[in-house]
């Protein structure tokens, strides 16, 4: 992964964690909304899924990350 991709990923993780904490604090102050732990864990799970998707796309887009083999093998025995 390039340095730019890692930096963007780091910024995304930081902002995502800030949103998770803010959401947990908001729900904690207003318990009528939902249980704070449930909401914070759900948001954290979504953040993990997003980070996993970004890393997967970045690795697939990197040179040498193709699913095709690097060497073409000709069929034999036909």
C-alpha atoms as a PDB file:
ATOM      1  CA  UNK A   1       0.000   0.000   0.000  1.00  0.00           C
ATOM      2  CA  UNK A   2       1.207   3.464  -0.726  1.00  0.00           C
ATOM      3  CA  UNK A   3       1.897   6.044   1.935  1.00  0.00           C
ATOM      4  CA  UNK A   4      -1.080   8.104   0.793  1.00  0.00           C
ATOM      5  CA  UNK A   5      -3.434   5.139   1.136  1.00  0.00           C
ATOM      6  CA  UNK A   6      -2.135   4.385   4.616  1.00  0.00           C
ATOM      7  CA  UNK A   7      -2.520   8.031   5.629  1.00  0.00           C
ATOM      8  CA  UNK A   8      -6.106   8.155   4.355  1.00  0.00           C
ATOM      9  CA  UNK A   9      -6.826   4.916   6.212  1.00  0.00           C
ATOM     10  CA  UNK A  10      -5.348   6.359   9.416  1.00  0.00           C
ATOM     11  CA  UNK A  11      -7.494   9.480   9.098  1.00  0.00           C
ATOM     12  CA  UNK A  12     -10.574   7.336   8.473  1.00  0.00           C
ATOM     13  CA  UNK A  13      -9.883   5.214  11.550  1.00  0.00           C
ATOM     14  CA  UNK A  14      -9.339   8.308  13.712  1.00  0.00           C
ATOM     15  CA  UNK A  15     -12.536   9.989  12.550  1.00  0.00           C
ATOM     16  CA  UNK A  16     -14.454   6.733  12.877  1.00  0.00           C
ATOM     17  CA  UNK A  17     -13.276   6.178  16.442  1.00  0.00           C
ATOM     18  CA  UNK A  18     -14.200   9.758  17.319  1.00  0.00           C
ATOM     19  CA  UNK A  19     -17.692   9.155  15.932  1.00  0.00           C
ATOM     20  CA  UNK A  20     -18.028   5.910  17.903  1.00  0.00           C
ATOM     21  CA  UNK A  21     -17.045   7.666  21.141  1.00  0.00           C
ATOM     22  CA  UNK A  22     -19.356  10.603  20.435  1.00  0.00           C
ATOM     23  CA  UNK A  23     -22.241   8.279  19.671  1.00  0.00           C
ATOM     24  CA  UNK A  24     -21.607   6.306  22.858  1.00  0.00           C
ATOM     25  CA  UNK A  25     -21.537   9.492  24.963  1.00  0.00           C
ATOM     26  CA  UNK A  26     -24.715  10.816  23.346  1.00  0.00           C
ATOM     27  CA  UNK A  27     -26.600   7.615  23.971  1.00  0.00           C
ATOM     28  CA  UNK A  28     -25.232   7.417  27.529  1.00  0.00           C
ATOM     29  CA  UNK A  29     -26.625  10.872  28.316  1.00  0.00           C
ATOM     30  CA  UNK A  30     -30.016  10.010  26.813  1.00  0.00           C
ATOM     31  CA  UNK A  31     -30.743   6.446  27.922  1.00  0.00           C
ATOM     32  CA  UNK A  32     -34.171   6.481  26.277  1.00  0.00           C
ATOM     33  CA  UNK A  33     -32.466   6.096  22.884  1.00  0.00           C
ATOM     34  CA  UNK A  34     -30.740   2.692  23.323  1.00  0.00           C
ATOM     35  CA  UNK A  35     -28.240   0.940  25.498  1.00  0.00           C
ATOM     36  CA  UNK A  36     -24.892   2.767  25.129  1.00  0.00           C
ATOM     37  CA  UNK A  37     -22.816  -0.364  24.911  1.00  0.00           C
ATOM     38  CA  UNK A  38     -24.939  -1.848  22.126  1.00  0.00           C
ATOM     39  CA  UNK A  39     -24.821   1.273  20.001  1.00  0.00           C
ATOM     40  CA  UNK A  40     -21.087   1.801  20.504  1.00  0.00           C
ATOM     41  CA  UNK A  41     -20.308  -1.831  19.667  1.00  0.00           C
ATOM     42  CA  UNK A  42     -22.485  -1.704  16.560  1.00  0.00           C
ATOM     43  CA  UNK A  43     -20.711   1.438  15.375  1.00  0.00           C
ATOM     44  CA  UNK A  44     -17.326  -0.127  16.105  1.00  0.00           C
ATOM     45  CA  UNK A  45     -18.314  -3.221  14.119  1.00  0.00           C
ATOM     46  CA  UNK A  46     -19.301  -1.059  11.168  1.00  0.00           C
ATOM     47  CA  UNK A  47     -15.974   0.757  11.426  1.00  0.00           C
ATOM     48  CA  UNK A  48     -14.069  -2.532  11.391  1.00  0.00           C
ATOM     49  CA  UNK A  49     -16.047  -3.685   8.352  1.00  0.00           C
ATOM     50  CA  UNK A  50     -15.294  -0.416   6.553  1.00  0.00           C
ATOM     51  CA  UNK A  51     -11.570  -0.624   7.327  1.00  0.00           C
ATOM     52  CA  UNK A  52     -11.465  -4.234   6.180  1.00  0.00           C
ATOM     53  CA  UNK A  53     -13.155  -3.315   2.919  1.00  0.00           C
ATOM     54  CA  UNK A  54     -10.762  -0.416   2.293  1.00  0.00           C
ATOM     55  CA  UNK A  55      -7.699  -2.554   2.998  1.00  0.00           C
ATOM     56  CA  UNK A  56      -9.034  -5.318   0.748  1.00  0.00           C
ATOM     57  CA  UNK A  57      -9.660  -2.932  -2.124  1.00  0.00           C
ATOM     58  CA  UNK A  58      -6.265  -1.288  -1.659  1.00  0.00           C
ATOM     59  CA  UNK A  59      -4.487  -4.636  -1.740  1.00  0.00           C
ATOM     60  CA  UNK A  60      -6.429  -5.782  -4.783  1.00  0.00           C
ATOM     61  CA  UNK A  61      -5.600  -2.558  -6.619  1.00  0.00           C
ATOM     62  CA  UNK A  62      -1.896  -2.779  -5.792  1.00  0.00           C
ATOM     63  CA  UNK A  63       0.482  -4.017  -8.477  1.00  0.00           C
ATOM     64  CA  UNK A  64       0.889  -7.751  -8.198  1.00  0.00           C
ATOM     65  CA  UNK A  65      -2.412  -8.156  -6.367  1.00  0.00           C
ATOM     66  CA  UNK A  66      -4.276  -9.594  -9.321  1.00  0.00           C
ATOM     67  CA  UNK A  67      -6.076 -12.901  -9.082  1.00  0.00           C
ATOM     68  CA  UNK A  68      -4.629 -14.069 -12.407  1.00  0.00           C
ATOM     69  CA  UNK A  69      -1.402 -16.072 -12.400  1.00  0.00           C
ATOM     70  CA  UNK A  70       1.772 -14.256 -13.376  1.00  0.00           C
ATOM     71  CA  UNK A  71       2.885 -17.090 -15.678  1.00  0.00           C
ATOM     72  CA  UNK A  72       0.665 -18.432 -18.436  1.00  0.00           C
ATOM     73  CA  UNK A  73       0.786 -22.215 -18.711  1.00  0.00           C
ATOM     74  CA  UNK A  74      -0.184 -23.692 -22.072  1.00  0.00           C
ATOM     75  CA  UNK A  75      -2.476 -26.708 -22.012  1.00  0.00           C
ATOM     76  CA  UNK A  76      -0.730 -29.930 -22.955  1.00  0.00           C
ATOM     77  CA  UNK A  77      -1.896 -33.437 -23.801  1.00  0.00           C
ATOM     78  CA  UNK A  78      -4.794 -32.570 -26.098  1.00  0.00           C
END
